Amino acid sequence: EKDLQTYGFLGYPLLQAADILIYRALYVPVGEDQ
């Protein structure tokens, strides 16, 4: 029902990577799907 054909949605995994890398985090708690 949402229009997700956007640059922001395509790029969200990279924004997620930036969130992690900018703190030089060693551990990221996730479930298997993540």
PDB file of all heavy atoms in Angstrom:
ATOM      1  N   GLU A   1       0.815  -1.214   0.000  1.00  0.00           N
ATOM      2  CA  GLU A   1       0.000   0.000   0.000  1.00  0.00           C
ATOM      3  C   GLU A   1       0.849   1.265   0.000  1.00  0.00           C
ATOM      4  O   GLU A   1       0.331   2.358  -0.214  1.00  0.00           O
ATOM      5  CB  GLU A   1      -0.937   0.000   1.216  1.00  0.00           C
ATOM      6  CG  GLU A   1      -0.274   0.297   2.561  1.00  0.00           C
ATOM      7  CD  GLU A   1       0.462  -0.901   3.160  1.00  0.00           C
ATOM      8  OE1 GLU A   1       0.510  -1.960   2.492  1.00  0.00           O
ATOM      9  OE2 GLU A   1       0.989  -0.773   4.287  1.00  0.00           O
ATOM     10  N   LYS A   2       2.162   1.132   0.243  1.00  0.00           N
ATOM     11  CA  LYS A   2       3.060   2.294   0.269  1.00  0.00           C
ATOM     12  C   LYS A   2       3.917   2.333  -0.990  1.00  0.00           C
ATOM     13  O   LYS A   2       4.278   1.291  -1.529  1.00  0.00           O
ATOM     14  CB  LYS A   2       3.971   2.241   1.503  1.00  0.00           C
ATOM     15  CG  LYS A   2       3.241   2.361   2.836  1.00  0.00           C
ATOM     16  CD  LYS A   2       4.231   2.302   3.987  1.00  0.00           C
ATOM     17  CE  LYS A   2       3.527   2.431   5.333  1.00  0.00           C
ATOM     18  NZ  LYS A   2       3.057   3.802   5.563  1.00  0.00           N
ATOM     19  N   ASP A   3       4.256   3.515  -1.430  1.00  0.00           N
ATOM     20  CA  ASP A   3       5.159   3.683  -2.571  1.00  0.00           C
ATOM     21  C   ASP A   3       6.586   3.684  -2.030  1.00  0.00           C
ATOM     22  O   ASP A   3       7.071   4.685  -1.499  1.00  0.00           O
ATOM     23  CB  ASP A   3       4.872   4.994  -3.302  1.00  0.00           C
ATOM     24  CG  ASP A   3       5.827   5.220  -4.470  1.00  0.00           C
ATOM     25  OD1 ASP A   3       6.574   4.268  -4.817  1.00  0.00           O
ATOM     26  OD2 ASP A   3       5.841   6.327  -5.022  1.00  0.00           O
ATOM     27  N   LEU A   4       7.259   2.535  -2.153  1.00  0.00           N
ATOM     28  CA  LEU A   4       8.615   2.408  -1.618  1.00  0.00           C
ATOM     29  C   LEU A   4       9.676   2.377  -2.721  1.00  0.00           C
ATOM     30  O   LEU A   4      10.823   2.010  -2.470  1.00  0.00           O
ATOM     31  CB  LEU A   4       8.716   1.134  -0.763  1.00  0.00           C
ATOM     32  CG  LEU A   4       7.813   1.098   0.476  1.00  0.00           C
ATOM     33  CD1 LEU A   4       8.025  -0.188   1.252  1.00  0.00           C
ATOM     34  CD2 LEU A   4       8.047   2.307   1.366  1.00  0.00           C
ATOM     35  N   GLN A   5       9.294   2.791  -3.914  1.00  0.00           N
ATOM     36  CA  GLN A   5      10.271   2.873  -5.003  1.00  0.00           C
ATOM     37  C   GLN A   5      11.020   4.204  -4.884  1.00  0.00           C
ATOM     38  O   GLN A   5      10.950   5.069  -5.762  1.00  0.00           O
ATOM     39  CB  GLN A   5       9.558   2.753  -6.359  1.00  0.00           C
ATOM     40  CG  GLN A   5       8.810   1.445  -6.548  1.00  0.00           C
ATOM     41  CD  GLN A   5       9.732   0.235  -6.556  1.00  0.00           C
ATOM     42  OE1 GLN A   5      10.888   0.325  -6.979  1.00  0.00           O
ATOM     43  NE2 GLN A   5       9.247  -0.896  -6.079  1.00  0.00           N
ATOM     44  N   THR A   6      11.735   4.350  -3.779  1.00  0.00           N
ATOM     45  CA  THR A   6      12.440   5.600  -3.497  1.00  0.00           C
ATOM     46  C   THR A   6      13.916   5.323  -3.236  1.00  0.00           C
ATOM     47  O   THR A   6      14.297   4.214  -2.839  1.00  0.00           O
ATOM     48  CB  THR A   6      11.849   6.302  -2.259  1.00  0.00           C
ATOM     49  OG1 THR A   6      12.039   5.453  -1.114  1.00  0.00           O
ATOM     50  CG2 THR A   6      10.364   6.602  -2.436  1.00  0.00           C
ATOM     51  N   TYR A   7      14.719   6.352  -3.416  1.00  0.00           N
ATOM     52  CA  TYR A   7      16.145   6.243  -3.126  1.00  0.00           C
ATOM     53  C   TYR A   7      16.365   5.973  -1.640  1.00  0.00           C
ATOM     54  O   TYR A   7      17.232   5.188  -1.249  1.00  0.00           O
ATOM     55  CB  TYR A   7      16.853   7.534  -3.539  1.00  0.00           C
ATOM     56  CG  TYR A   7      18.271   7.647  -3.026  1.00  0.00           C
ATOM     57  CD1 TYR A   7      19.279   6.819  -3.507  1.00  0.00           C
ATOM     58  CD2 TYR A   7      18.601   8.583  -2.049  1.00  0.00           C
ATOM     59  CE1 TYR A   7      20.577   6.914  -3.031  1.00  0.00           C
ATOM     60  CE2 TYR A   7      19.891   8.688  -1.558  1.00  0.00           C
ATOM     61  CZ  TYR A   7      20.878   7.846  -2.059  1.00  0.00           C
ATOM     62  OH  TYR A   7      22.148   7.945  -1.571  1.00  0.00           O
ATOM     63  N   GLY A   8      15.553   6.612  -0.797  1.00  0.00           N
ATOM     64  CA  GLY A   8      15.701   6.443   0.643  1.00  0.00           C
ATOM     65  C   GLY A   8      15.476   5.012   1.079  1.00  0.00           C
ATOM     66  O   GLY A   8      16.236   4.483   1.903  1.00  0.00           O
ATOM     67  N   PHE A   9      14.443   4.362   0.521  1.00  0.00           N
ATOM     68  CA  PHE A   9      14.168   2.990   0.929  1.00  0.00           C
ATOM     69  C   PHE A   9      15.224   2.029   0.381  1.00  0.00           C
ATOM     70  O   PHE A   9      15.647   1.105   1.069  1.00  0.00           O
ATOM     71  CB  PHE A   9      12.774   2.558   0.474  1.00  0.00           C
ATOM     72  CG  PHE A   9      12.360   1.240   1.063  1.00  0.00           C
ATOM     73  CD1 PHE A   9      12.023   1.144   2.400  1.00  0.00           C
ATOM     74  CD2 PHE A   9      12.328   0.090   0.289  1.00  0.00           C
ATOM     75  CE1 PHE A   9      11.670  -0.072   2.960  1.00  0.00           C
ATOM     76  CE2 PHE A   9      11.969  -1.126   0.841  1.00  0.00           C
ATOM     77  CZ  PHE A   9      11.631  -1.206   2.179  1.00  0.00           C
ATOM     78  N   LEU A  10      15.659   2.255  -0.852  1.00  0.00           N
ATOM     79  CA  LEU A  10      16.729   1.417  -1.405  1.00  0.00           C
ATOM     80  C   LEU A  10      18.005   1.563  -0.571  1.00  0.00           C
ATOM     81  O   LEU A  10      18.720   0.588  -0.341  1.00  0.00           O
ATOM     82  CB  LEU A  10      17.012   1.818  -2.857  1.00  0.00           C
ATOM     83  CG  LEU A  10      18.196   1.102  -3.534  1.00  0.00           C
ATOM     84  CD1 LEU A  10      17.919  -0.395  -3.668  1.00  0.00           C
ATOM     85  CD2 LEU A  10      18.465   1.707  -4.905  1.00  0.00           C
ATOM     86  N   GLY A  11      18.256   2.769  -0.105  1.00  0.00           N
ATOM     87  CA  GLY A  11      19.509   3.034   0.602  1.00  0.00           C
ATOM     88  C   GLY A  11      19.477   2.774   2.095  1.00  0.00           C
ATOM     89  O   GLY A  11      20.507   2.911   2.763  1.00  0.00           O
ATOM     90  N   TYR A  12      18.311   2.337   2.624  1.00  0.00           N
ATOM     91  CA  TYR A  12      18.247   2.215   4.086  1.00  0.00           C
ATOM     92  C   TYR A  12      19.242   1.199   4.645  1.00  0.00           C
ATOM     93  O   TYR A  12      19.777   1.399   5.745  1.00  0.00           O
ATOM     94  CB  TYR A  12      16.816   1.929   4.560  1.00  0.00           C
ATOM     95  CG  TYR A  12      16.440   0.462   4.642  1.00  0.00           C
ATOM     96  CD1 TYR A  12      16.688  -0.286   5.789  1.00  0.00           C
ATOM     97  CD2 TYR A  12      15.823  -0.170   3.575  1.00  0.00           C
ATOM     98  CE1 TYR A  12      16.348  -1.627   5.854  1.00  0.00           C
ATOM     99  CE2 TYR A  12      15.484  -1.504   3.630  1.00  0.00           C
ATOM    100  CZ  TYR A  12      15.743  -2.236   4.781  1.00  0.00           C
ATOM    101  OH  TYR A  12      15.413  -3.556   4.837  1.00  0.00           O
ATOM    102  N   PRO A  13      19.601   0.093   3.939  1.00  0.00           N
ATOM    103  CA  PRO A  13      20.622  -0.793   4.514  1.00  0.00           C
ATOM    104  C   PRO A  13      21.983  -0.100   4.657  1.00  0.00           C
ATOM    105  O   PRO A  13      22.746  -0.413   5.573  1.00  0.00           O
ATOM    106  CB  PRO A  13      20.694  -1.956   3.512  1.00  0.00           C
ATOM    107  CG  PRO A  13      19.389  -1.925   2.791  1.00  0.00           C
ATOM    108  CD  PRO A  13      19.043  -0.470   2.689  1.00  0.00           C
ATOM    109  N   LEU A  14      22.271   0.843   3.760  1.00  0.00           N
ATOM    110  CA  LEU A  14      23.544   1.562   3.862  1.00  0.00           C
ATOM    111  C   LEU A  14      23.493   2.581   4.997  1.00  0.00           C
ATOM    112  O   LEU A  14      24.495   2.792   5.693  1.00  0.00           O
ATOM    113  CB  LEU A  14      23.879   2.256   2.543  1.00  0.00           C
ATOM    114  CG  LEU A  14      25.293   2.847   2.463  1.00  0.00           C
ATOM    115  CD1 LEU A  14      26.348   1.764   2.655  1.00  0.00           C
ATOM    116  CD2 LEU A  14      25.499   3.570   1.138  1.00  0.00           C
ATOM    117  N   LEU A  15      22.335   3.217   5.204  1.00  0.00           N
ATOM    118  CA  LEU A  15      22.189   4.103   6.358  1.00  0.00           C
ATOM    119  C   LEU A  15      22.337   3.293   7.639  1.00  0.00           C
ATOM    120  O   LEU A  15      22.963   3.735   8.611  1.00  0.00           O
ATOM    121  CB  LEU A  15      20.823   4.800   6.322  1.00  0.00           C
ATOM    122  CG  LEU A  15      20.503   5.724   7.509  1.00  0.00           C
ATOM    123  CD1 LEU A  15      21.557   6.813   7.669  1.00  0.00           C
ATOM    124  CD2 LEU A  15      19.112   6.336   7.345  1.00  0.00           C
ATOM    125  N   GLN A  16      21.788   2.089   7.636  1.00  0.00           N
ATOM    126  CA  GLN A  16      21.930   1.200   8.787  1.00  0.00           C
ATOM    127  C   GLN A  16      23.405   0.865   9.015  1.00  0.00           C
ATOM    128  O   GLN A  16      23.878   0.834  10.163  1.00  0.00           O
ATOM    129  CB  GLN A  16      21.125  -0.075   8.538  1.00  0.00           C
ATOM    130  CG  GLN A  16      20.852  -0.907   9.769  1.00  0.00           C
ATOM    131  CD  GLN A  16      19.873  -2.025   9.468  1.00  0.00           C
ATOM    132  OE1 GLN A  16      20.086  -2.835   8.565  1.00  0.00           O
ATOM    133  NE2 GLN A  16      18.791  -2.090  10.217  1.00  0.00           N
ATOM    134  N   ALA A  17      24.147   0.641   7.934  1.00  0.00           N
ATOM    135  CA  ALA A  17      25.584   0.377   8.047  1.00  0.00           C
ATOM    136  C   ALA A  17      26.302   1.585   8.634  1.00  0.00           C
ATOM    137  O   ALA A  17      27.183   1.444   9.503  1.00  0.00           O
ATOM    138  CB  ALA A  17      26.158   0.022   6.680  1.00  0.00           C
ATOM    139  N   ALA A  18      25.937   2.778   8.175  1.00  0.00           N
ATOM    140  CA  ALA A  18      26.560   4.000   8.705  1.00  0.00           C
ATOM    141  C   ALA A  18      26.274   4.152  10.197  1.00  0.00           C
ATOM    142  O   ALA A  18      27.145   4.557  10.969  1.00  0.00           O
ATOM    143  CB  ALA A  18      26.056   5.222   7.935  1.00  0.00           C
ATOM    144  N   ASP A  19      25.037   3.818  10.621  1.00  0.00           N
ATOM    145  CA  ASP A  19      24.678   3.888  12.040  1.00  0.00           C
ATOM    146  C   ASP A  19      25.632   3.038  12.883  1.00  0.00           C
ATOM    147  O   ASP A  19      26.047   3.442  13.975  1.00  0.00           O
ATOM    148  CB  ASP A  19      23.257   3.362  12.269  1.00  0.00           C
ATOM    149  CG  ASP A  19      22.194   4.184  11.568  1.00  0.00           C
ATOM    150  OD1 ASP A  19      22.414   5.382  11.344  1.00  0.00           O
ATOM    151  OD2 ASP A  19      21.134   3.609  11.234  1.00  0.00           O
ATOM    152  N   ILE A  20      25.950   1.862  12.381  1.00  0.00           N
ATOM    153  CA  ILE A  20      26.804   0.930  13.121  1.00  0.00           C
ATOM    154  C   ILE A  20      28.266   1.364  13.070  1.00  0.00           C
ATOM    155  O   ILE A  20      28.955   1.441  14.098  1.00  0.00           O
ATOM    156  CB  ILE A  20      26.661  -0.494  12.541  1.00  0.00           C
ATOM    157  CG1 ILE A  20      25.221  -0.994  12.687  1.00  0.00           C
ATOM    158  CG2 ILE A  20      27.637  -1.458  13.205  1.00  0.00           C
ATOM    159  CD1 ILE A  20      24.903  -2.226  11.850  1.00  0.00           C
ATOM    160  N   LEU A  21      28.732   1.679  11.866  1.00  0.00           N
ATOM    161  CA  LEU A  21      30.149   1.938  11.656  1.00  0.00           C
ATOM    162  C   LEU A  21      30.616   3.233  12.303  1.00  0.00           C
ATOM    163  O   LEU A  21      31.777   3.350  12.705  1.00  0.00           O
ATOM    164  CB  LEU A  21      30.460   1.957  10.153  1.00  0.00           C
ATOM    165  CG  LEU A  21      30.215   0.631   9.423  1.00  0.00           C
ATOM    166  CD1 LEU A  21      30.427   0.802   7.921  1.00  0.00           C
ATOM    167  CD2 LEU A  21      31.133  -0.463   9.965  1.00  0.00           C
ATOM    168  N   ILE A  22      29.727   4.209  12.428  1.00  0.00           N
ATOM    169  CA  ILE A  22      30.162   5.497  12.960  1.00  0.00           C
ATOM    170  C   ILE A  22      30.508   5.403  14.451  1.00  0.00           C
ATOM    171  O   ILE A  22      31.284   6.200  14.972  1.00  0.00           O
ATOM    172  CB  ILE A  22      29.097   6.588  12.709  1.00  0.00           C
ATOM    173  CG1 ILE A  22      29.763   7.962  12.771  1.00  0.00           C
ATOM    174  CG2 ILE A  22      27.934   6.480  13.691  1.00  0.00           C
ATOM    175  CD1 ILE A  22      28.994   9.048  12.102  1.00  0.00           C
ATOM    176  N   TYR A  23      29.991   4.361  15.123  1.00  0.00           N
ATOM    177  CA  TYR A  23      30.350   4.151  16.536  1.00  0.00           C
ATOM    178  C   TYR A  23      31.384   3.044  16.689  1.00  0.00           C
ATOM    179  O   TYR A  23      31.709   2.664  17.810  1.00  0.00           O
ATOM    180  CB  TYR A  23      29.091   3.850  17.361  1.00  0.00           C
ATOM    181  CG  TYR A  23      28.144   5.021  17.320  1.00  0.00           C
ATOM    182  CD1 TYR A  23      27.014   5.007  16.510  1.00  0.00           C
ATOM    183  CD2 TYR A  23      28.429   6.190  18.024  1.00  0.00           C
ATOM    184  CE1 TYR A  23      26.185   6.116  16.415  1.00  0.00           C
ATOM    185  CE2 TYR A  23      27.607   7.301  17.939  1.00  0.00           C
ATOM    186  CZ  TYR A  23      26.492   7.252  17.129  1.00  0.00           C
ATOM    187  OH  TYR A  23      25.685   8.362  17.036  1.00  0.00           O
ATOM    188  N   ARG A  24      31.854   2.522  15.553  1.00  0.00           N
ATOM    189  CA  ARG A  24      32.834   1.433  15.559  1.00  0.00           C
ATOM    190  C   ARG A  24      32.350   0.325  16.496  1.00  0.00           C
ATOM    191  O   ARG A  24      33.111  -0.234  17.291  1.00  0.00           O
ATOM    192  CB  ARG A  24      34.209   1.956  15.965  1.00  0.00           C
ATOM    193  CG  ARG A  24      34.829   2.828  14.869  1.00  0.00           C
ATOM    194  CD  ARG A  24      35.997   3.636  15.333  1.00  0.00           C
ATOM    195  NE  ARG A  24      36.780   4.146  14.194  1.00  0.00           N
ATOM    196  CZ  ARG A  24      37.564   5.213  14.256  1.00  0.00           C
ATOM    197  NH1 ARG A  24      37.673   5.897  15.371  1.00  0.00           N
ATOM    198  NH2 ARG A  24      38.241   5.606  13.194  1.00  0.00           N
ATOM    199  N   ALA A  25      31.044   0.048  16.379  1.00  0.00           N
ATOM    200  CA  ALA A  25      30.422  -0.968  17.226  1.00  0.00           C
ATOM    201  C   ALA A  25      30.910  -2.351  16.821  1.00  0.00           C
ATOM    202  O   ALA A  25      30.942  -2.688  15.641  1.00  0.00           O
ATOM    203  CB  ALA A  25      28.903  -0.893  17.102  1.00  0.00           C
ATOM    204  N   LEU A  26      31.280  -3.145  17.812  1.00  0.00           N
ATOM    205  CA  LEU A  26      31.755  -4.491  17.532  1.00  0.00           C
ATOM    206  C   LEU A  26      30.600  -5.484  17.474  1.00  0.00           C
ATOM    207  O   LEU A  26      30.650  -6.467  16.755  1.00  0.00           O
ATOM    208  CB  LEU A  26      32.761  -4.926  18.602  1.00  0.00           C
ATOM    209  CG  LEU A  26      33.450  -6.272  18.382  1.00  0.00           C
ATOM    210  CD1 LEU A  26      34.202  -6.292  17.045  1.00  0.00           C
ATOM    211  CD2 LEU A  26      34.398  -6.583  19.522  1.00  0.00           C
ATOM    212  N   TYR A  27      29.537  -5.203  18.239  1.00  0.00           N
ATOM    213  CA  TYR A  27      28.419  -6.139  18.314  1.00  0.00           C
ATOM    214  C   TYR A  27      27.104  -5.454  17.950  1.00  0.00           C
ATOM    215  O   TYR A  27      26.842  -4.325  18.378  1.00  0.00           O
ATOM    216  CB  TYR A  27      28.298  -6.730  19.718  1.00  0.00           C
ATOM    217  CG  TYR A  27      29.523  -7.490  20.170  1.00  0.00           C
ATOM    218  CD1 TYR A  27      30.250  -7.067  21.281  1.00  0.00           C
ATOM    219  CD2 TYR A  27      29.952  -8.622  19.489  1.00  0.00           C
ATOM    220  CE1 TYR A  27      31.373  -7.758  21.707  1.00  0.00           C
ATOM    221  CE2 TYR A  27      31.080  -9.309  19.895  1.00  0.00           C
ATOM    222  CZ  TYR A  27      31.785  -8.876  21.011  1.00  0.00           C
ATOM    223  OH  TYR A  27      32.899  -9.553  21.410  1.00  0.00           O
ATOM    224  N   VAL A  28      26.282  -6.182  17.187  1.00  0.00           N
ATOM    225  CA  VAL A  28      24.955  -5.691  16.817  1.00  0.00           C
ATOM    226  C   VAL A  28      23.955  -6.802  17.126  1.00  0.00           C
ATOM    227  O   VAL A  28      23.947  -7.840  16.457  1.00  0.00           O
ATOM    228  CB  VAL A  28      24.882  -5.328  15.317  1.00  0.00           C
ATOM    229  CG1 VAL A  28      23.518  -4.735  14.987  1.00  0.00           C
ATOM    230  CG2 VAL A  28      25.998  -4.364  14.940  1.00  0.00           C
ATOM    231  N   PRO A  29      23.125  -6.636  18.170  1.00  0.00           N
ATOM    232  CA  PRO A  29      22.152  -7.682  18.499  1.00  0.00           C
ATOM    233  C   PRO A  29      21.030  -7.744  17.465  1.00  0.00           C
ATOM    234  O   PRO A  29      20.344  -6.753  17.226  1.00  0.00           O
ATOM    235  CB  PRO A  29      21.618  -7.243  19.873  1.00  0.00           C
ATOM    236  CG  PRO A  29      21.880  -5.774  19.946  1.00  0.00           C
ATOM    237  CD  PRO A  29      23.090  -5.507  19.113  1.00  0.00           C
ATOM    238  N   VAL A  30      20.887  -8.898  16.836  1.00  0.00           N
ATOM    239  CA  VAL A  30      19.883  -9.061  15.779  1.00  0.00           C
ATOM    240  C   VAL A  30      19.295 -10.468  15.834  1.00  0.00           C
ATOM    241  O   VAL A  30      19.887 -11.389  16.389  1.00  0.00           O
ATOM    242  CB  VAL A  30      20.482  -8.842  14.366  1.00  0.00           C
ATOM    243  CG1 VAL A  30      20.886  -7.402  14.152  1.00  0.00           C
ATOM    244  CG2 VAL A  30      21.662  -9.780  14.119  1.00  0.00           C
ATOM    245  N   GLY A  31      18.125 -10.602  15.218  1.00  0.00           N
ATOM    246  CA  GLY A  31      17.578 -11.920  14.968  1.00  0.00           C
ATOM    247  C   GLY A  31      18.153 -12.456  13.664  1.00  0.00           C
ATOM    248  O   GLY A  31      18.846 -11.738  12.934  1.00  0.00           O
ATOM    249  N   GLU A  32      17.871 -13.705  13.357  1.00  0.00           N
ATOM    250  CA  GLU A  32      18.454 -14.327  12.163  1.00  0.00           C
ATOM    251  C   GLU A  32      18.097 -13.583  10.883  1.00  0.00           C
ATOM    252  O   GLU A  32      18.890 -13.528   9.943  1.00  0.00           O
ATOM    253  CB  GLU A  32      18.006 -15.789  12.067  1.00  0.00           C
ATOM    254  CG  GLU A  32      18.680 -16.695  13.091  1.00  0.00           C
ATOM    255  CD  GLU A  32      18.371 -18.156  12.852  1.00  0.00           C
ATOM    256  OE1 GLU A  32      17.775 -18.478  11.797  1.00  0.00           O
ATOM    257  OE2 GLU A  32      18.721 -18.981  13.708  1.00  0.00           O
ATOM    258  N   ASP A  33      16.895 -12.987  10.830  1.00  0.00           N
ATOM    259  CA  ASP A  33      16.461 -12.317   9.606  1.00  0.00           C
ATOM    260  C   ASP A  33      17.254 -11.044   9.332  1.00  0.00           C
ATOM    261  O   ASP A  33      17.255 -10.534   8.201  1.00  0.00           O
ATOM    262  CB  ASP A  33      14.972 -11.989   9.671  1.00  0.00           C
ATOM    263  CG  ASP A  33      14.624 -11.068  10.838  1.00  0.00           C
ATOM    264  OD1 ASP A  33      15.299 -11.155  11.878  1.00  0.00           O
ATOM    265  OD2 ASP A  33      13.694 -10.260  10.708  1.00  0.00           O
ATOM    266  N   GLN A  34      17.956 -10.519  10.369  1.00  0.00           N
ATOM    267  CA  GLN A  34      18.724  -9.290  10.194  1.00  0.00           C
ATOM    268  C   GLN A  34      20.217  -9.530   9.977  1.00  0.00           C
ATOM    269  O   GLN A  34      20.966  -8.584   9.750  1.00  0.00           O
ATOM    270  CB  GLN A  34      18.534  -8.396  11.420  1.00  0.00           C
ATOM    271  CG  GLN A  34      17.140  -7.802  11.553  1.00  0.00           C
ATOM    272  CD  GLN A  34      16.864  -6.756  10.485  1.00  0.00           C
ATOM    273  OE1 GLN A  34      17.639  -5.848  10.270  1.00  0.00           O
ATOM    274  NE2 GLN A  34      15.737  -6.895   9.796  1.00  0.00           N
TER     275      GLN A  34
END
